[in-house]
Amino acid sequence: MATKHFDKGSQARISSTGQIVEVKRVSSHGFSVVRFKTGGDYMIMNDRLESIEKEEVKH
C-alpha cells in the first residue's frame, strides 16, 4: 500500500463522495483533520482522501 502524503493547507478530495476539503492538520498515524466548505473540522483516514493535481494554466 502506498503512503499518501498531504500538506497542511492543501486541498484534497474525499474518495467516496467527491467533496473537496481543506487539510488543516496531518498526523503521522495515518489520518488528517480536514475542514469542509460548509464548516466543521473532522478527522478522516488518509486512505479515504485523494490528492488533487493542480492543472497548469496555459496562456
PDB file of N, CA and C in Angstrom:
ATOM      1  N   MET A   1       0.842  -1.178   0.000  1.00  0.00           N
ATOM      2  CA  MET A   1       0.000   0.000   0.000  1.00  0.00           C
ATOM      3  C   MET A   1       0.885   1.238   0.000  1.00  0.00           C
ATOM      4  N   ALA A   2       0.610   2.158  -0.896  1.00  0.00           N
ATOM      5  CA  ALA A   2       1.401   3.381  -0.993  1.00  0.00           C
ATOM      6  C   ALA A   2       0.966   4.362   0.092  1.00  0.00           C
ATOM      7  N   THR A   3       1.930   5.043   0.674  1.00  0.00           N
ATOM      8  CA  THR A   3       1.637   6.039   1.686  1.00  0.00           C
ATOM      9  C   THR A   3       1.268   7.346   1.010  1.00  0.00           C
ATOM     10  N   LYS A   4       0.133   7.903   1.388  1.00  0.00           N
ATOM     11  CA  LYS A   4      -0.289   9.172   0.826  1.00  0.00           C
ATOM     12  C   LYS A   4       0.246  10.283   1.704  1.00  0.00           C
ATOM     13  N   HIS A   5       0.676  11.362   1.072  1.00  0.00           N
ATOM     14  CA  HIS A   5       1.219  12.491   1.808  1.00  0.00           C
ATOM     15  C   HIS A   5       0.408  13.733   1.476  1.00  0.00           C
ATOM     16  N   PHE A   6      -0.060  14.410   2.500  1.00  0.00           N
ATOM     17  CA  PHE A   6      -0.822  15.632   2.331  1.00  0.00           C
ATOM     18  C   PHE A   6      -0.129  16.738   3.112  1.00  0.00           C
ATOM     19  N   ASP A   7      -0.187  17.945   2.573  1.00  0.00           N
ATOM     20  CA  ASP A   7       0.417  19.095   3.225  1.00  0.00           C
ATOM     21  C   ASP A   7      -0.666  19.941   3.884  1.00  0.00           C
ATOM     22  N   LYS A   8      -0.320  20.523   5.020  1.00  0.00           N
ATOM     23  CA  LYS A   8      -1.225  21.414   5.721  1.00  0.00           C
ATOM     24  C   LYS A   8      -1.589  22.575   4.794  1.00  0.00           C
ATOM     25  N   GLY A   9      -2.862  22.883   4.697  1.00  0.00           N
ATOM     26  CA  GLY A   9      -3.328  23.974   3.855  1.00  0.00           C
ATOM     27  C   GLY A   9      -3.669  23.576   2.432  1.00  0.00           C
ATOM     28  N   SER A  10      -3.326  22.354   2.041  1.00  0.00           N
ATOM     29  CA  SER A  10      -3.640  21.915   0.678  1.00  0.00           C
ATOM     30  C   SER A  10      -5.082  21.428   0.603  1.00  0.00           C
ATOM     31  N   GLN A  11      -5.534  21.154  -0.597  1.00  0.00           N
ATOM     32  CA  GLN A  11      -6.877  20.635  -0.784  1.00  0.00           C
ATOM     33  C   GLN A  11      -6.808  19.161  -1.157  1.00  0.00           C
ATOM     34  N   ALA A  12      -7.838  18.433  -0.778  1.00  0.00           N
ATOM     35  CA  ALA A  12      -7.929  17.007  -1.085  1.00  0.00           C
ATOM     36  C   ALA A  12      -9.378  16.695  -1.424  1.00  0.00           C
ATOM     37  N   ARG A  13      -9.588  15.537  -2.022  1.00  0.00           N
ATOM     38  CA  ARG A  13     -10.937  15.085  -2.379  1.00  0.00           C
ATOM     39  C   ARG A  13     -11.241  13.828  -1.576  1.00  0.00           C
ATOM     40  N   ILE A  14     -12.448  13.748  -1.025  1.00  0.00           N
ATOM     41  CA  ILE A  14     -12.883  12.543  -0.325  1.00  0.00           C
ATOM     42  C   ILE A  14     -13.279  11.527  -1.389  1.00  0.00           C
ATOM     43  N   SER A  15     -12.655  10.362  -1.354  1.00  0.00           N
ATOM     44  CA  SER A  15     -12.843   9.343  -2.394  1.00  0.00           C
ATOM     45  C   SER A  15     -14.304   8.945  -2.570  1.00  0.00           C
ATOM     46  N   SER A  16     -15.014   8.713  -1.496  1.00  0.00           N
ATOM     47  CA  SER A  16     -16.365   8.169  -1.590  1.00  0.00           C
ATOM     48  C   SER A  16     -17.408   9.187  -2.034  1.00  0.00           C
ATOM     49  N   THR A  17     -17.203  10.466  -1.746  1.00  0.00           N
ATOM     50  CA  THR A  17     -18.230  11.472  -2.046  1.00  0.00           C
ATOM     51  C   THR A  17     -17.811  12.473  -3.104  1.00  0.00           C
ATOM     52  N   GLY A  18     -16.504  12.631  -3.317  1.00  0.00           N
ATOM     53  CA  GLY A  18     -16.020  13.594  -4.291  1.00  0.00           C
ATOM     54  C   GLY A  18     -15.929  15.010  -3.750  1.00  0.00           C
ATOM     55  N   GLN A  19     -16.234  15.198  -2.462  1.00  0.00           N
ATOM     56  CA  GLN A  19     -16.186  16.529  -1.865  1.00  0.00           C
ATOM     57  C   GLN A  19     -14.743  17.011  -1.749  1.00  0.00           C
ATOM     58  N   ILE A  20     -14.560  18.304  -1.978  1.00  0.00           N
ATOM     59  CA  ILE A  20     -13.255  18.930  -1.832  1.00  0.00           C
ATOM     60  C   ILE A  20     -13.165  19.493  -0.422  1.00  0.00           C
ATOM     61  N   VAL A  21     -12.091  19.179   0.279  1.00  0.00           N
ATOM     62  CA  VAL A  21     -11.879  19.649   1.641  1.00  0.00           C
ATOM     63  C   VAL A  21     -10.492  20.274   1.762  1.00  0.00           C
ATOM     64  N   GLU A  22     -10.310  21.105   2.778  1.00  0.00           N
ATOM     65  CA  GLU A  22      -9.006  21.698   3.070  1.00  0.00           C
ATOM     66  C   GLU A  22      -8.347  20.902   4.191  1.00  0.00           C
ATOM     67  N   VAL A  23      -7.094  20.546   4.007  1.00  0.00           N
ATOM     68  CA  VAL A  23      -6.355  19.790   5.018  1.00  0.00           C
ATOM     69  C   VAL A  23      -5.856  20.774   6.079  1.00  0.00           C
ATOM     70  N   LYS A  24      -6.311  20.602   7.310  1.00  0.00           N
ATOM     71  CA  LYS A  24      -5.935  21.500   8.399  1.00  0.00           C
ATOM     72  C   LYS A  24      -4.734  20.974   9.187  1.00  0.00           C
ATOM     73  N   ARG A  25      -4.715  19.674   9.464  1.00  0.00           N
ATOM     74  CA  ARG A  25      -3.622  19.044  10.202  1.00  0.00           C
ATOM     75  C   ARG A  25      -3.384  17.653   9.651  1.00  0.00           C
ATOM     76  N   VAL A  26      -2.127  17.217   9.691  1.00  0.00           N
ATOM     77  CA  VAL A  26      -1.765  15.895   9.207  1.00  0.00           C
ATOM     78  C   VAL A  26      -1.036  15.162  10.331  1.00  0.00           C
ATOM     79  N   SER A  27      -1.465  13.938  10.598  1.00  0.00           N
ATOM     80  CA  SER A  27      -0.845  13.116  11.629  1.00  0.00           C
ATOM     81  C   SER A  27       0.070  12.076  10.994  1.00  0.00           C
ATOM     82  N   SER A  28       1.099  11.701  11.711  1.00  0.00           N
ATOM     83  CA  SER A  28       1.979  10.642  11.223  1.00  0.00           C
ATOM     84  C   SER A  28       1.371   9.261  11.466  1.00  0.00           C
ATOM     85  N   HIS A  29       0.157   9.215  12.031  1.00  0.00           N
ATOM     86  CA  HIS A  29      -0.511   7.952  12.335  1.00  0.00           C
ATOM     87  C   HIS A  29      -1.548   7.557  11.291  1.00  0.00           C
ATOM     88  N   GLY A  30      -1.555   8.253  10.133  1.00  0.00           N
ATOM     89  CA  GLY A  30      -2.428   7.832   9.045  1.00  0.00           C
ATOM     90  C   GLY A  30      -3.764   8.538   8.945  1.00  0.00           C
ATOM     91  N   PHE A  31      -3.937   9.657   9.636  1.00  0.00           N
ATOM     92  CA  PHE A  31      -5.180  10.400   9.481  1.00  0.00           C
ATOM     93  C   PHE A  31      -4.901  11.894   9.408  1.00  0.00           C
ATOM     94  N   SER A  32      -5.890  12.627   8.921  1.00  0.00           N
ATOM     95  CA  SER A  32      -5.783  14.072   8.795  1.00  0.00           C
ATOM     96  C   SER A  32      -7.035  14.712   9.368  1.00  0.00           C
ATOM     97  N   VAL A  33      -6.912  15.973   9.755  1.00  0.00           N
ATOM     98  CA  VAL A  33      -8.068  16.773  10.139  1.00  0.00           C
ATOM     99  C   VAL A  33      -8.368  17.663   8.945  1.00  0.00           C
ATOM    100  N   VAL A  34      -9.593  17.576   8.463  1.00  0.00           N
ATOM    101  CA  VAL A  34      -9.984  18.340   7.278  1.00  0.00           C
ATOM    102  C   VAL A  34     -11.141  19.265   7.624  1.00  0.00           C
ATOM    103  N   ARG A  35     -11.268  20.335   6.838  1.00  0.00           N
ATOM    104  CA  ARG A  35     -12.364  21.281   7.006  1.00  0.00           C
ATOM    105  C   ARG A  35     -13.222  21.272   5.747  1.00  0.00           C
ATOM    106  N   PHE A  36     -14.513  21.091   5.952  1.00  0.00           N
ATOM    107  CA  PHE A  36     -15.462  21.131   4.843  1.00  0.00           C
ATOM    108  C   PHE A  36     -15.787  22.577   4.501  1.00  0.00           C
ATOM    109  N   LYS A  37     -16.173  22.834   3.257  1.00  0.00           N
ATOM    110  CA  LYS A  37     -16.551  24.187   2.832  1.00  0.00           C
ATOM    111  C   LYS A  37     -17.767  24.687   3.601  1.00  0.00           C
ATOM    112  N   THR A  38     -18.628  23.779   4.024  1.00  0.00           N
ATOM    113  CA  THR A  38     -19.828  24.159   4.779  1.00  0.00           C
ATOM    114  C   THR A  38     -19.530  24.409   6.249  1.00  0.00           C
ATOM    115  N   GLY A  39     -18.285  24.138   6.665  1.00  0.00           N
ATOM    116  CA  GLY A  39     -17.877  24.370   8.042  1.00  0.00           C
ATOM    117  C   GLY A  39     -17.683  23.073   8.796  1.00  0.00           C
ATOM    118  N   GLY A  40     -16.897  23.132   9.815  1.00  0.00           N
ATOM    119  CA  GLY A  40     -16.660  21.973  10.659  1.00  0.00           C
ATOM    120  C   GLY A  40     -15.372  21.260  10.313  1.00  0.00           C
ATOM    121  N   ASP A  41     -14.639  20.867  11.342  1.00  0.00           N
ATOM    122  CA  ASP A  41     -13.396  20.115  11.198  1.00  0.00           C
ATOM    123  C   ASP A  41     -13.640  18.669  11.616  1.00  0.00           C
ATOM    124  N   TYR A  42     -13.133  17.735  10.815  1.00  0.00           N
ATOM    125  CA  TYR A  42     -13.345  16.318  11.085  1.00  0.00           C
ATOM    126  C   TYR A  42     -12.066  15.539  10.837  1.00  0.00           C
ATOM    127  N   MET A  43     -11.889  14.455  11.598  1.00  0.00           N
ATOM    128  CA  MET A  43     -10.763  13.551  11.362  1.00  0.00           C
ATOM    129  C   MET A  43     -11.185  12.537  10.311  1.00  0.00           C
ATOM    130  N   ILE A  44     -10.258  12.233   9.403  1.00  0.00           N
ATOM    131  CA  ILE A  44     -10.537  11.250   8.359  1.00  0.00           C
ATOM    132  C   ILE A  44      -9.240  10.509   8.040  1.00  0.00           C
ATOM    133  N   MET A  45      -9.360   9.230   7.743  1.00  0.00           N
ATOM    134  CA  MET A  45      -8.187   8.426   7.406  1.00  0.00           C
ATOM    135  C   MET A  45      -7.613   8.886   6.066  1.00  0.00           C
ATOM    136  N   ASN A  46      -6.290   8.928   5.959  1.00  0.00           N
ATOM    137  CA  ASN A  46      -5.645   9.385   4.732  1.00  0.00           C
ATOM    138  C   ASN A  46      -5.978   8.512   3.532  1.00  0.00           C
ATOM    139  N   ASP A  47      -6.243   7.212   3.748  1.00  0.00           N
ATOM    140  CA  ASP A  47      -6.561   6.363   2.602  1.00  0.00           C
ATOM    141  C   ASP A  47      -7.972   6.620   2.065  1.00  0.00           C
ATOM    142  N   ARG A  48      -8.751   7.462   2.721  1.00  0.00           N
ATOM    143  CA  ARG A  48     -10.061   7.880   2.211  1.00  0.00           C
ATOM    144  C   ARG A  48      -9.965   9.193   1.423  1.00  0.00           C
ATOM    145  N   LEU A  49      -8.755   9.766   1.366  1.00  0.00           N
ATOM    146  CA  LEU A  49      -8.541  11.028   0.664  1.00  0.00           C
ATOM    147  C   LEU A  49      -7.744  10.817  -0.612  1.00  0.00           C
ATOM    148  N   GLU A  50      -7.995  11.667  -1.591  1.00  0.00           N
ATOM    149  CA  GLU A  50      -7.214  11.673  -2.833  1.00  0.00           C
ATOM    150  C   GLU A  50      -6.593  13.054  -2.967  1.00  0.00           C
ATOM    151  N   SER A  51      -5.358  13.112  -3.394  1.00  0.00           N
ATOM    152  CA  SER A  51      -4.742  14.413  -3.622  1.00  0.00           C
ATOM    153  C   SER A  51      -5.290  14.993  -4.925  1.00  0.00           C
ATOM    154  N   ILE A  52      -5.333  16.290  -4.982  1.00  0.00           N
ATOM    155  CA  ILE A  52      -5.839  16.987  -6.163  1.00  0.00           C
ATOM    156  C   ILE A  52      -4.645  17.528  -6.927  1.00  0.00           C
ATOM    157  N   GLU A  53      -4.539  17.104  -8.170  1.00  0.00           N
ATOM    158  CA  GLU A  53      -3.464  17.589  -9.031  1.00  0.00           C
ATOM    159  C   GLU A  53      -3.871  18.941  -9.583  1.00  0.00           C
ATOM    160  N   LYS A  54      -3.026  19.916  -9.401  1.00  0.00           N
ATOM    161  CA  LYS A  54      -3.321  21.244  -9.929  1.00  0.00           C
ATOM    162  C   LYS A  54      -2.932  21.286 -11.392  1.00  0.00           C
ATOM    163  N   GLU A  55      -3.860  21.772 -12.219  1.00  0.00           N
ATOM    164  CA  GLU A  55      -3.597  21.854 -13.652  1.00  0.00           C
ATOM    165  C   GLU A  55      -2.786  23.114 -13.932  1.00  0.00           C
ATOM    166  N   GLU A  56      -1.855  22.971 -14.863  1.00  0.00           N
ATOM    167  CA  GLU A  56      -1.050  24.098 -15.259  1.00  0.00           C
ATOM    168  C   GLU A  56      -1.872  25.021 -16.148  1.00  0.00           C
ATOM    169  N   VAL A  57      -1.780  26.306 -15.898  1.00  0.00           N
ATOM    170  CA  VAL A  57      -2.509  27.282 -16.701  1.00  0.00           C
ATOM    171  C   VAL A  57      -1.660  27.654 -17.900  1.00  0.00           C
ATOM    172  N   LYS A  58      -2.246  27.485 -19.084  1.00  0.00           N
ATOM    173  CA  LYS A  58      -1.530  27.843 -20.310  1.00  0.00           C
ATOM    174  C   LYS A  58      -2.161  29.095 -20.883  1.00  0.00           C
ATOM    175  N   HIS A  59      -1.323  30.048 -21.212  1.00  0.00           N
ATOM    176  CA  HIS A  59      -1.819  31.317 -21.773  1.00  0.00           C
ATOM    177  C   HIS A  59      -1.657  31.322 -23.264  1.00  0.00           C
TER     178      HIS A  59
END
